[in-house]
Amino acid sequence: MIRSVLLSILLALAWWPATGSAAPVAAAGSVAVVYPELDEPWRAVFTAIIAGVEEQVGAPVLRYGLAPGKEALTLEPALRHSGARVVVALGRQGLRAVANLNGAPPVVAGGILSVPDAESRSITGISLTPDPAILFEELRRLLPSVRRVVVVYNPDYNQWLIDVARAAARAQGIELQAREARDTVSAARLYEAMLTEAAAGDALWLPQDPTTVDDDTIVPLVLRTAWARRVPVFSSSFPHVRRGVLFALYPDNRQLGRALARTAQRLAAGEPVPQGLQPLQSVLTALNVRTASHLGLNLDYRQQRRFDFIFPEP
């Protein structure tokens, strides 16, 4: 008995991040969080998510930090002896570490943008990708005249998101024109054609897609042409607001942690939870007032206060 307890403590400490604080005592019904130990800005992202998990759970969680290149072999016995009933796996490294554990607790995934479509159906979790329904609501609030939204995406990674977006667009009376591209060159051609053909009531959505929304080539091309033709562009990525998109949604990481914890609690209790990777609903909003003015939107102070971030900053 004593040997088993000592083994549990040693395994937990072996995975505890080097913060100088002691690991909380494992208890029945506890939540474990597996996450990669990365440099900023990802360190701050995962720290905020874990803080949200602990707020929702109402107690410290068991933390298992994965150093770069560290083998996950000792993670399985650590989780088995910890008493955790559910695991929140953050980031791709966290998800990979728990993917093939035998007899491990159920897993809730978070802190990832997307996964290949074939994998997304087998995952229970919440993406860092903002919910298209919220994006379209904000678009219609700012530009009620928009009737068509064009998006260029790689179906190998974002088909699940486009399926969600189609339903969200129909619900709000928007025609979603989704164009597939599996490489940057094809994506550039599609953007050029869309921006050339764009008419009143059209808008362009930049999703989080490494193939079709390359920050070094695609984004400058799109924003330069869209500015000249006064085509509204909105995004699922916060840095794009500084570069000139009209608005973007981005994660509220602490609230995301709370949402992940609620899903984990339901999973541990045997309650039904949504299957597959779900889009993010815990979001903040950012607005570029210079772009808004260029598009003919004169937003007063009260209207601007709805947004969590304004660029250029007052």
C-alpha atoms as a PDB file:
ATOM      1  CA  MET A   1       0.000   0.000   0.000  1.00  0.00           C
ATOM      2  CA  ILE A   2       2.729   2.459   1.024  1.00  0.00           C
ATOM      3  CA  ARG A   3       4.769   1.526  -2.041  1.00  0.00           C
ATOM      4  CA  SER A   4       1.763   2.184  -4.311  1.00  0.00           C
ATOM      5  CA  VAL A   5       1.185   5.620  -2.786  1.00  0.00           C
ATOM      6  CA  LEU A   6       4.870   6.561  -3.115  1.00  0.00           C
ATOM      7  CA  LEU A   7       4.861   5.466  -6.760  1.00  0.00           C
ATOM      8  CA  SER A   8       1.825   7.632  -7.432  1.00  0.00           C
ATOM      9  CA  ILE A   9       3.480  10.684  -5.870  1.00  0.00           C
ATOM     10  CA  LEU A  10       6.771  10.165  -7.726  1.00  0.00           C
ATOM     11  CA  LEU A  11       5.052   9.726 -11.070  1.00  0.00           C
ATOM     12  CA  ALA A  12       2.995  12.857 -10.572  1.00  0.00           C
ATOM     13  CA  LEU A  13       6.058  14.894  -9.622  1.00  0.00           C
ATOM     14  CA  ALA A  14       7.942  13.586 -12.637  1.00  0.00           C
ATOM     15  CA  TRP A  15       5.350  15.207 -14.878  1.00  0.00           C
ATOM     16  CA  TRP A  16       4.751  18.356 -12.840  1.00  0.00           C
ATOM     17  CA  PRO A  17       5.970  21.569 -14.583  1.00  0.00           C
ATOM     18  CA  ALA A  18       9.041  23.205 -13.102  1.00  0.00           C
ATOM     19  CA  THR A  19       7.226  26.070 -11.394  1.00  0.00           C
ATOM     20  CA  GLY A  20       8.402  25.453  -7.864  1.00  0.00           C
ATOM     21  CA  SER A  21       4.893  24.747  -6.565  1.00  0.00           C
ATOM     22  CA  ALA A  22       3.805  21.422  -5.118  1.00  0.00           C
ATOM     23  CA  ALA A  23       1.396  19.137  -6.921  1.00  0.00           C
ATOM     24  CA  PRO A  24      -2.129  18.984  -5.489  1.00  0.00           C
ATOM     25  CA  VAL A  25      -3.172  15.768  -3.790  1.00  0.00           C
ATOM     26  CA  ALA A  26      -4.989  13.439  -6.177  1.00  0.00           C
ATOM     27  CA  ALA A  27      -8.573  12.723  -5.250  1.00  0.00           C
ATOM     28  CA  ALA A  28     -11.392  10.655  -6.652  1.00  0.00           C
ATOM     29  CA  GLY A  29     -13.239  12.584  -9.325  1.00  0.00           C
ATOM     30  CA  SER A  30     -10.283  14.835 -10.052  1.00  0.00           C
ATOM     31  CA  VAL A  31      -9.445  16.345 -13.463  1.00  0.00           C
ATOM     32  CA  ALA A  32      -5.993  15.960 -15.000  1.00  0.00           C
ATOM     33  CA  VAL A  33      -4.600  18.383 -17.586  1.00  0.00           C
ATOM     34  CA  VAL A  34      -1.911  17.230 -20.024  1.00  0.00           C
ATOM     35  CA  TYR A  35      -0.220  20.074 -21.864  1.00  0.00           C
ATOM     36  CA  PRO A  36       3.033  20.900 -23.685  1.00  0.00           C
ATOM     37  CA  GLU A  37       5.612  23.060 -21.956  1.00  0.00           C
ATOM     38  CA  LEU A  38       6.220  25.729 -24.605  1.00  0.00           C
ATOM     39  CA  ASP A  39       7.653  29.214 -24.771  1.00  0.00           C
ATOM     40  CA  GLU A  40       5.518  32.318 -25.059  1.00  0.00           C
ATOM     41  CA  PRO A  41       2.984  33.101 -26.360  1.00  0.00           C
ATOM     42  CA  TRP A  42       1.681  29.540 -26.066  1.00  0.00           C
ATOM     43  CA  ARG A  43       2.757  29.252 -22.436  1.00  0.00           C
ATOM     44  CA  ALA A  44       0.415  32.111 -21.513  1.00  0.00           C
ATOM     45  CA  VAL A  45      -2.403  30.555 -23.562  1.00  0.00           C
ATOM     46  CA  PHE A  46      -2.191  27.208 -21.770  1.00  0.00           C
ATOM     47  CA  THR A  47      -1.764  28.879 -18.374  1.00  0.00           C
ATOM     48  CA  ALA A  48      -4.984  30.843 -18.884  1.00  0.00           C
ATOM     49  CA  ILE A  49      -6.877  27.760 -20.097  1.00  0.00           C
ATOM     50  CA  ILE A  50      -5.756  25.744 -17.069  1.00  0.00           C
ATOM     51  CA  ALA A  51      -6.769  28.604 -14.756  1.00  0.00           C
ATOM     52  CA  GLY A  52     -10.243  28.489 -16.307  1.00  0.00           C
ATOM     53  CA  VAL A  53     -10.427  24.728 -15.809  1.00  0.00           C
ATOM     54  CA  GLU A  54      -9.577  25.144 -12.130  1.00  0.00           C
ATOM     55  CA  GLU A  55     -12.154  27.907 -11.707  1.00  0.00           C
ATOM     56  CA  GLN A  56     -14.882  25.670 -13.097  1.00  0.00           C
ATOM     57  CA  VAL A  57     -13.782  22.586 -11.154  1.00  0.00           C
ATOM     58  CA  GLY A  58     -13.380  24.628  -7.980  1.00  0.00           C
ATOM     59  CA  ALA A  59     -10.079  23.004  -7.048  1.00  0.00           C
ATOM     60  CA  PRO A  60      -6.515  22.620  -8.335  1.00  0.00           C
ATOM     61  CA  VAL A  61      -6.193  20.126 -11.167  1.00  0.00           C
ATOM     62  CA  LEU A  62      -3.482  17.538 -11.680  1.00  0.00           C
ATOM     63  CA  ARG A  63      -0.998  19.026 -14.153  1.00  0.00           C
ATOM     64  CA  TYR A  64       1.212  16.943 -16.407  1.00  0.00           C
ATOM     65  CA  GLY A  65       3.599  19.117 -18.420  1.00  0.00           C
ATOM     66  CA  LEU A  66       5.182  17.592 -21.524  1.00  0.00           C
ATOM     67  CA  ALA A  67       8.674  18.894 -22.205  1.00  0.00           C
ATOM     68  CA  PRO A  68       9.670  19.084 -25.906  1.00  0.00           C
ATOM     69  CA  GLY A  69      10.659  15.625 -27.094  1.00  0.00           C
ATOM     70  CA  LYS A  70       9.729  13.977 -23.804  1.00  0.00           C
ATOM     71  CA  GLU A  71       8.415  10.450 -24.115  1.00  0.00           C
ATOM     72  CA  ALA A  72       4.883   9.873 -22.874  1.00  0.00           C
ATOM     73  CA  LEU A  73       5.574   6.336 -21.672  1.00  0.00           C
ATOM     74  CA  THR A  74       5.371   7.207 -17.976  1.00  0.00           C
ATOM     75  CA  LEU A  75       2.181   9.219 -18.472  1.00  0.00           C
ATOM     76  CA  GLU A  76      -0.042   6.122 -18.507  1.00  0.00           C
ATOM     77  CA  PRO A  77       0.904   4.818 -15.047  1.00  0.00           C
ATOM     78  CA  ALA A  78       0.920   8.377 -13.704  1.00  0.00           C
ATOM     79  CA  LEU A  79      -2.681   8.914 -14.797  1.00  0.00           C
ATOM     80  CA  ARG A  80      -3.721   5.459 -13.614  1.00  0.00           C
ATOM     81  CA  HIS A  81      -2.365   6.073 -10.114  1.00  0.00           C
ATOM     82  CA  SER A  82      -3.516   9.704  -9.917  1.00  0.00           C
ATOM     83  CA  GLY A  83      -7.194   8.939  -9.412  1.00  0.00           C
ATOM     84  CA  ALA A  84      -8.178  11.300 -12.229  1.00  0.00           C
ATOM     85  CA  ARG A  85     -11.532  10.431 -13.799  1.00  0.00           C
ATOM     86  CA  VAL A  86     -11.124  12.600 -16.899  1.00  0.00           C
ATOM     87  CA  VAL A  87      -8.242  14.191 -18.815  1.00  0.00           C
ATOM     88  CA  VAL A  88      -8.145  17.568 -20.564  1.00  0.00           C
ATOM     89  CA  ALA A  89      -5.473  17.309 -23.282  1.00  0.00           C
ATOM     90  CA  LEU A  90      -4.171  20.652 -24.571  1.00  0.00           C
ATOM     91  CA  GLY A  91      -2.372  21.225 -27.854  1.00  0.00           C
ATOM     92  CA  ARG A  92      -1.387  18.678 -30.457  1.00  0.00           C
ATOM     93  CA  GLN A  93       1.382  17.294 -28.251  1.00  0.00           C
ATOM     94  CA  GLY A  94      -1.025  16.817 -25.358  1.00  0.00           C
ATOM     95  CA  LEU A  95      -3.536  15.100 -27.614  1.00  0.00           C
ATOM     96  CA  ARG A  96      -0.887  12.792 -29.102  1.00  0.00           C
ATOM     97  CA  ALA A  97       0.389  11.870 -25.634  1.00  0.00           C
ATOM     98  CA  VAL A  98      -2.984  10.510 -24.515  1.00  0.00           C
ATOM     99  CA  ALA A  99      -4.152   9.128 -27.876  1.00  0.00           C
ATOM    100  CA  ASN A 100      -3.024   5.539 -27.352  1.00  0.00           C
ATOM    101  CA  LEU A 101      -3.068   5.106 -23.589  1.00  0.00           C
ATOM    102  CA  ASN A 102      -4.562   1.800 -22.482  1.00  0.00           C
ATOM    103  CA  GLY A 103      -7.313   2.084 -19.925  1.00  0.00           C
ATOM    104  CA  ALA A 104      -6.834   5.837 -19.581  1.00  0.00           C
ATOM    105  CA  PRO A 105      -9.676   8.097 -18.425  1.00  0.00           C
ATOM    106  CA  PRO A 106     -11.843   9.725 -21.120  1.00  0.00           C
ATOM    107  CA  VAL A 107     -10.254  12.711 -22.864  1.00  0.00           C
ATOM    108  CA  VAL A 108     -11.468  16.208 -23.721  1.00  0.00           C
ATOM    109  CA  ALA A 109      -9.280  17.997 -26.299  1.00  0.00           C
ATOM    110  CA  GLY A 110      -8.579  21.728 -26.337  1.00  0.00           C
ATOM    111  CA  GLY A 111      -6.011  24.294 -27.404  1.00  0.00           C
ATOM    112  CA  ILE A 112      -5.850  23.063 -31.017  1.00  0.00           C
ATOM    113  CA  LEU A 113      -6.882  24.882 -34.185  1.00  0.00           C
ATOM    114  CA  SER A 114      -7.899  21.880 -36.244  1.00  0.00           C
ATOM    115  CA  VAL A 115      -7.102  18.267 -37.000  1.00  0.00           C
ATOM    116  CA  PRO A 116      -7.447  16.248 -40.200  1.00  0.00           C
ATOM    117  CA  ASP A 117     -11.116  15.709 -40.957  1.00  0.00           C
ATOM    118  CA  ALA A 118     -10.885  11.946 -40.470  1.00  0.00           C
ATOM    119  CA  GLU A 119      -9.637  12.473 -36.895  1.00  0.00           C
ATOM    120  CA  SER A 120     -12.026  15.249 -35.873  1.00  0.00           C
ATOM    121  CA  ARG A 121     -15.035  12.898 -35.662  1.00  0.00           C
ATOM    122  CA  SER A 122     -13.358  10.720 -33.024  1.00  0.00           C
ATOM    123  CA  ILE A 123     -12.418  13.644 -30.767  1.00  0.00           C
ATOM    124  CA  THR A 124     -14.445  15.180 -27.979  1.00  0.00           C
ATOM    125  CA  GLY A 125     -13.321  18.752 -27.490  1.00  0.00           C
ATOM    126  CA  ILE A 126     -13.337  22.423 -28.385  1.00  0.00           C
ATOM    127  CA  SER A 127     -11.213  23.996 -31.102  1.00  0.00           C
ATOM    128  CA  LEU A 128      -9.473  27.374 -30.959  1.00  0.00           C
ATOM    129  CA  THR A 129     -11.368  28.206 -34.157  1.00  0.00           C
ATOM    130  CA  PRO A 130     -14.219  30.691 -33.507  1.00  0.00           C
ATOM    131  CA  ASP A 131     -17.774  29.520 -34.175  1.00  0.00           C
ATOM    132  CA  PRO A 132     -18.838  30.678 -37.666  1.00  0.00           C
ATOM    133  CA  ALA A 133     -22.309  31.478 -36.308  1.00  0.00           C
ATOM    134  CA  ILE A 134     -20.816  34.159 -34.049  1.00  0.00           C
ATOM    135  CA  LEU A 135     -18.660  35.482 -36.886  1.00  0.00           C
ATOM    136  CA  PHE A 136     -21.670  35.825 -39.174  1.00  0.00           C
ATOM    137  CA  GLU A 137     -23.744  37.474 -36.434  1.00  0.00           C
ATOM    138  CA  GLU A 138     -21.050  40.117 -35.984  1.00  0.00           C
ATOM    139  CA  LEU A 139     -20.753  40.581 -39.738  1.00  0.00           C
ATOM    140  CA  ARG A 140     -24.491  41.170 -40.129  1.00  0.00           C
ATOM    141  CA  ARG A 141     -24.469  43.515 -37.141  1.00  0.00           C
ATOM    142  CA  LEU A 142     -21.792  45.676 -38.749  1.00  0.00           C
ATOM    143  CA  LEU A 143     -22.862  45.225 -42.372  1.00  0.00           C
ATOM    144  CA  PRO A 144     -26.540  44.232 -42.635  1.00  0.00           C
ATOM    145  CA  SER A 145     -26.345  44.459 -46.429  1.00  0.00           C
ATOM    146  CA  VAL A 146     -23.968  41.484 -46.749  1.00  0.00           C
ATOM    147  CA  ARG A 147     -25.675  38.600 -48.519  1.00  0.00           C
ATOM    148  CA  ARG A 148     -22.755  36.429 -49.681  1.00  0.00           C
ATOM    149  CA  VAL A 149     -19.610  35.276 -47.890  1.00  0.00           C
ATOM    150  CA  VAL A 150     -16.730  33.665 -49.779  1.00  0.00           C
ATOM    151  CA  VAL A 151     -14.192  31.455 -48.011  1.00  0.00           C
ATOM    152  CA  VAL A 152     -11.190  29.564 -49.423  1.00  0.00           C
ATOM    153  CA  TYR A 153     -10.227  26.483 -47.423  1.00  0.00           C
ATOM    154  CA  ASN A 154      -8.295  23.226 -47.469  1.00  0.00           C
ATOM    155  CA  PRO A 155     -10.822  20.383 -47.044  1.00  0.00           C
ATOM    156  CA  ASP A 156      -8.152  18.104 -45.581  1.00  0.00           C
ATOM    157  CA  TYR A 157      -8.144  20.227 -42.424  1.00  0.00           C
ATOM    158  CA  ASN A 158     -11.243  22.402 -42.347  1.00  0.00           C
ATOM    159  CA  GLN A 159     -14.084  20.427 -43.911  1.00  0.00           C
ATOM    160  CA  TRP A 160     -15.636  20.027 -40.459  1.00  0.00           C
ATOM    161  CA  LEU A 161     -15.592  23.807 -39.994  1.00  0.00           C
ATOM    162  CA  ILE A 162     -17.142  24.507 -43.386  1.00  0.00           C
ATOM    163  CA  ASP A 163     -19.927  22.011 -42.642  1.00  0.00           C
ATOM    164  CA  VAL A 164     -20.700  23.976 -39.477  1.00  0.00           C
ATOM    165  CA  ALA A 165     -20.415  27.268 -41.367  1.00  0.00           C
ATOM    166  CA  ARG A 166     -22.888  26.224 -44.066  1.00  0.00           C
ATOM    167  CA  ALA A 167     -25.605  25.601 -41.493  1.00  0.00           C
ATOM    168  CA  ALA A 168     -24.788  28.851 -39.666  1.00  0.00           C
ATOM    169  CA  ALA A 169     -24.913  30.859 -42.896  1.00  0.00           C
ATOM    170  CA  ARG A 170     -28.290  29.404 -43.910  1.00  0.00           C
ATOM    171  CA  ALA A 171     -29.726  30.260 -40.506  1.00  0.00           C
ATOM    172  CA  GLN A 172     -28.778  33.914 -41.029  1.00  0.00           C
ATOM    173  CA  GLY A 173     -29.818  34.233 -44.661  1.00  0.00           C
ATOM    174  CA  ILE A 174     -26.252  34.319 -45.969  1.00  0.00           C
ATOM    175  CA  GLU A 175     -25.020  32.453 -49.034  1.00  0.00           C
ATOM    176  CA  LEU A 176     -21.737  30.766 -48.182  1.00  0.00           C
ATOM    177  CA  GLN A 177     -19.552  30.155 -51.205  1.00  0.00           C
ATOM    178  CA  ALA A 178     -16.794  27.780 -50.061  1.00  0.00           C
ATOM    179  CA  ARG A 179     -13.959  27.219 -52.526  1.00  0.00           C
ATOM    180  CA  GLU A 180     -11.452  24.401 -52.070  1.00  0.00           C
ATOM    181  CA  ALA A 181      -7.689  24.815 -52.429  1.00  0.00           C
ATOM    182  CA  ARG A 182      -5.023  22.347 -51.386  1.00  0.00           C
ATOM    183  CA  ASP A 183      -2.025  24.605 -52.034  1.00  0.00           C
ATOM    184  CA  THR A 184      -1.158  28.282 -51.708  1.00  0.00           C
ATOM    185  CA  VAL A 185      -0.918  28.919 -55.448  1.00  0.00           C
ATOM    186  CA  SER A 186      -4.444  27.649 -56.053  1.00  0.00           C
ATOM    187  CA  ALA A 187      -5.701  29.673 -53.096  1.00  0.00           C
ATOM    188  CA  ALA A 188      -4.135  32.874 -54.470  1.00  0.00           C
ATOM    189  CA  ARG A 189      -5.887  32.372 -57.808  1.00  0.00           C
ATOM    190  CA  LEU A 190      -9.244  31.845 -56.133  1.00  0.00           C
ATOM    191  CA  TYR A 191      -8.839  34.994 -54.019  1.00  0.00           C
ATOM    192  CA  GLU A 192      -7.875  37.013 -57.084  1.00  0.00           C
ATOM    193  CA  ALA A 193     -10.946  35.801 -58.969  1.00  0.00           C
ATOM    194  CA  MET A 194     -13.271  36.461 -56.035  1.00  0.00           C
ATOM    195  CA  LEU A 195     -11.987  39.965 -55.414  1.00  0.00           C
ATOM    196  CA  THR A 196     -12.189  40.792 -59.121  1.00  0.00           C
ATOM    197  CA  GLU A 197     -15.795  39.576 -59.343  1.00  0.00           C
ATOM    198  CA  ALA A 198     -16.929  40.927 -55.946  1.00  0.00           C
ATOM    199  CA  ALA A 199     -20.149  42.926 -55.959  1.00  0.00           C
ATOM    200  CA  ALA A 200     -22.098  44.900 -53.377  1.00  0.00           C
ATOM    201  CA  GLY A 201     -23.204  42.581 -50.594  1.00  0.00           C
ATOM    202  CA  ASP A 202     -20.122  40.322 -50.827  1.00  0.00           C
ATOM    203  CA  ALA A 203     -17.624  39.734 -48.030  1.00  0.00           C
ATOM    204  CA  LEU A 204     -14.539  37.543 -47.599  1.00  0.00           C
ATOM    205  CA  TRP A 205     -13.832  35.328 -44.598  1.00  0.00           C
ATOM    206  CA  LEU A 206     -10.254  34.347 -43.668  1.00  0.00           C
ATOM    207  CA  PRO A 207     -10.411  31.161 -41.563  1.00  0.00           C
ATOM    208  CA  GLN A 208      -7.516  29.681 -39.619  1.00  0.00           C
ATOM    209  CA  ASP A 209      -6.068  27.591 -42.432  1.00  0.00           C
ATOM    210  CA  PRO A 210      -2.301  27.200 -42.947  1.00  0.00           C
ATOM    211  CA  THR A 211      -2.752  26.408 -46.643  1.00  0.00           C
ATOM    212  CA  THR A 212      -5.163  29.101 -47.794  1.00  0.00           C
ATOM    213  CA  VAL A 213      -4.425  31.916 -45.333  1.00  0.00           C
ATOM    214  CA  ASP A 214      -0.653  32.129 -45.413  1.00  0.00           C
ATOM    215  CA  ASP A 215       0.351  35.250 -43.474  1.00  0.00           C
ATOM    216  CA  ASP A 216       3.415  35.993 -45.609  1.00  0.00           C
ATOM    217  CA  THR A 217       1.881  35.709 -49.077  1.00  0.00           C
ATOM    218  CA  ILE A 218      -1.908  35.374 -49.084  1.00  0.00           C
ATOM    219  CA  VAL A 219      -2.908  37.882 -46.407  1.00  0.00           C
ATOM    220  CA  PRO A 220      -0.971  40.881 -47.868  1.00  0.00           C
ATOM    221  CA  LEU A 221      -2.330  40.108 -51.343  1.00  0.00           C
ATOM    222  CA  VAL A 222      -5.924  39.812 -50.138  1.00  0.00           C
ATOM    223  CA  LEU A 223      -5.883  42.909 -47.943  1.00  0.00           C
ATOM    224  CA  ARG A 224      -4.231  45.097 -50.560  1.00  0.00           C
ATOM    225  CA  THR A 225      -6.777  44.151 -53.234  1.00  0.00           C
ATOM    226  CA  ALA A 226      -9.748  44.200 -50.853  1.00  0.00           C
ATOM    227  CA  TRP A 227      -8.823  47.705 -49.667  1.00  0.00           C
ATOM    228  CA  ALA A 228      -8.664  48.985 -53.227  1.00  0.00           C
ATOM    229  CA  ARG A 229     -12.024  47.462 -54.121  1.00  0.00           C
ATOM    230  CA  ARG A 230     -13.654  48.148 -50.731  1.00  0.00           C
ATOM    231  CA  VAL A 231     -14.506  44.495 -50.120  1.00  0.00           C
ATOM    232  CA  PRO A 232     -15.147  43.717 -46.421  1.00  0.00           C
ATOM    233  CA  VAL A 233     -12.767  41.105 -45.037  1.00  0.00           C
ATOM    234  CA  PHE A 234     -13.224  39.488 -41.621  1.00  0.00           C
ATOM    235  CA  SER A 235     -11.115  36.867 -39.905  1.00  0.00           C
ATOM    236  CA  SER A 236     -10.838  34.103 -37.328  1.00  0.00           C
ATOM    237  CA  SER A 237      -7.363  35.339 -36.331  1.00  0.00           C
ATOM    238  CA  PHE A 238      -6.613  38.292 -34.043  1.00  0.00           C
ATOM    239  CA  PRO A 239      -3.321  39.438 -35.694  1.00  0.00           C
ATOM    240  CA  HIS A 240      -5.200  40.085 -38.933  1.00  0.00           C
ATOM    241  CA  VAL A 241      -7.020  43.028 -37.337  1.00  0.00           C
ATOM    242  CA  ARG A 242      -3.747  44.935 -37.010  1.00  0.00           C
ATOM    243  CA  ARG A 243      -3.044  44.164 -40.659  1.00  0.00           C
ATOM    244  CA  GLY A 244      -6.329  45.567 -41.924  1.00  0.00           C
ATOM    245  CA  VAL A 245      -9.292  43.167 -41.731  1.00  0.00           C
ATOM    246  CA  LEU A 246     -12.519  44.763 -40.520  1.00  0.00           C
ATOM    247  CA  PHE A 247     -12.938  42.554 -37.458  1.00  0.00           C
ATOM    248  CA  ALA A 248     -11.857  39.240 -35.989  1.00  0.00           C
ATOM    249  CA  LEU A 249     -12.871  36.893 -33.219  1.00  0.00           C
ATOM    250  CA  TYR A 250     -10.232  35.351 -30.974  1.00  0.00           C
ATOM    251  CA  PRO A 251     -10.220  32.994 -27.973  1.00  0.00           C
ATOM    252  CA  ASP A 252     -11.107  34.022 -24.447  1.00  0.00           C
ATOM    253  CA  ASN A 253      -8.722  31.424 -23.058  1.00  0.00           C
ATOM    254  CA  ARG A 254      -9.937  31.529 -19.468  1.00  0.00           C
ATOM    255  CA  GLN A 255     -13.555  31.014 -20.532  1.00  0.00           C
ATOM    256  CA  LEU A 256     -12.405  28.276 -22.891  1.00  0.00           C
ATOM    257  CA  GLY A 257     -10.885  26.507 -19.895  1.00  0.00           C
ATOM    258  CA  ARG A 258     -14.209  26.717 -18.078  1.00  0.00           C
ATOM    259  CA  ALA A 259     -16.022  25.300 -21.110  1.00  0.00           C
ATOM    260  CA  LEU A 260     -13.535  22.419 -21.387  1.00  0.00           C
ATOM    261  CA  ALA A 261     -13.991  21.693 -17.689  1.00  0.00           C
ATOM    262  CA  ARG A 262     -17.794  21.619 -18.039  1.00  0.00           C
ATOM    263  CA  THR A 263     -17.474  19.090 -20.856  1.00  0.00           C
ATOM    264  CA  ALA A 264     -15.005  17.067 -18.761  1.00  0.00           C
ATOM    265  CA  GLN A 265     -17.352  17.067 -15.776  1.00  0.00           C
ATOM    266  CA  ARG A 266     -20.253  15.811 -17.904  1.00  0.00           C
ATOM    267  CA  LEU A 267     -18.026  13.147 -19.448  1.00  0.00           C
ATOM    268  CA  ALA A 268     -16.839  11.961 -16.032  1.00  0.00           C
ATOM    269  CA  ALA A 269     -20.455  11.807 -14.826  1.00  0.00           C
ATOM    270  CA  GLY A 270     -21.477   9.665 -17.805  1.00  0.00           C
ATOM    271  CA  GLU A 271     -23.658  12.403 -19.273  1.00  0.00           C
ATOM    272  CA  PRO A 272     -23.957  12.868 -23.067  1.00  0.00           C
ATOM    273  CA  VAL A 273     -21.542  15.348 -24.669  1.00  0.00           C
ATOM    274  CA  PRO A 274     -21.257  16.574 -28.278  1.00  0.00           C
ATOM    275  CA  GLN A 275     -19.125  14.272 -30.411  1.00  0.00           C
ATOM    276  CA  GLY A 276     -16.382  15.654 -32.609  1.00  0.00           C
ATOM    277  CA  LEU A 277     -14.343  18.833 -32.434  1.00  0.00           C
ATOM    278  CA  GLN A 278     -16.642  21.771 -31.668  1.00  0.00           C
ATOM    279  CA  PRO A 279     -16.009  25.376 -32.763  1.00  0.00           C
ATOM    280  CA  LEU A 280     -15.090  27.924 -30.114  1.00  0.00           C
ATOM    281  CA  GLN A 281     -17.885  29.958 -28.529  1.00  0.00           C
ATOM    282  CA  SER A 282     -15.767  31.562 -25.777  1.00  0.00           C
ATOM    283  CA  VAL A 283     -14.582  34.467 -27.905  1.00  0.00           C
ATOM    284  CA  LEU A 284     -13.498  38.090 -27.758  1.00  0.00           C
ATOM    285  CA  THR A 285     -13.909  40.612 -30.584  1.00  0.00           C
ATOM    286  CA  ALA A 286     -11.437  42.981 -32.231  1.00  0.00           C
ATOM    287  CA  LEU A 287     -12.224  45.836 -34.633  1.00  0.00           C
ATOM    288  CA  ASN A 288     -10.115  47.919 -37.014  1.00  0.00           C
ATOM    289  CA  VAL A 289     -11.772  51.355 -36.984  1.00  0.00           C
ATOM    290  CA  ARG A 290      -9.583  52.627 -39.832  1.00  0.00           C
ATOM    291  CA  THR A 291     -10.893  49.849 -42.081  1.00  0.00           C
ATOM    292  CA  ALA A 292     -14.433  50.436 -40.834  1.00  0.00           C
ATOM    293  CA  SER A 293     -14.193  54.114 -41.818  1.00  0.00           C
ATOM    294  CA  HIS A 294     -12.767  53.156 -45.213  1.00  0.00           C
ATOM    295  CA  LEU A 295     -15.828  50.958 -45.786  1.00  0.00           C
ATOM    296  CA  GLY A 296     -18.163  53.822 -44.845  1.00  0.00           C
ATOM    297  CA  LEU A 297     -18.901  52.652 -41.284  1.00  0.00           C
ATOM    298  CA  ASN A 298     -18.839  55.508 -38.790  1.00  0.00           C
ATOM    299  CA  LEU A 299     -19.070  53.783 -35.418  1.00  0.00           C
ATOM    300  CA  ASP A 300     -19.600  56.022 -32.415  1.00  0.00           C
ATOM    301  CA  TYR A 301     -18.007  55.491 -29.009  1.00  0.00           C
ATOM    302  CA  ARG A 302     -20.939  53.436 -27.702  1.00  0.00           C
ATOM    303  CA  GLN A 303     -20.761  51.078 -30.670  1.00  0.00           C
ATOM    304  CA  GLN A 304     -17.005  50.700 -30.353  1.00  0.00           C
ATOM    305  CA  ARG A 305     -17.305  49.766 -26.669  1.00  0.00           C
ATOM    306  CA  ARG A 306     -18.864  46.442 -27.693  1.00  0.00           C
ATOM    307  CA  PHE A 307     -15.441  45.311 -28.868  1.00  0.00           C
ATOM    308  CA  ASP A 308     -12.723  43.953 -26.596  1.00  0.00           C
ATOM    309  CA  PHE A 309      -9.915  45.393 -28.700  1.00  0.00           C
ATOM    310  CA  ILE A 310      -9.840  48.438 -30.995  1.00  0.00           C
ATOM    311  CA  PHE A 311      -7.127  49.127 -33.557  1.00  0.00           C
ATOM    312  CA  PRO A 312      -5.579  51.619 -33.920  1.00  0.00           C
ATOM    313  CA  GLU A 313      -5.686  51.894 -30.138  1.00  0.00           C
ATOM    314  CA  PRO A 314      -7.132  55.195 -28.862  1.00  0.00           C
END
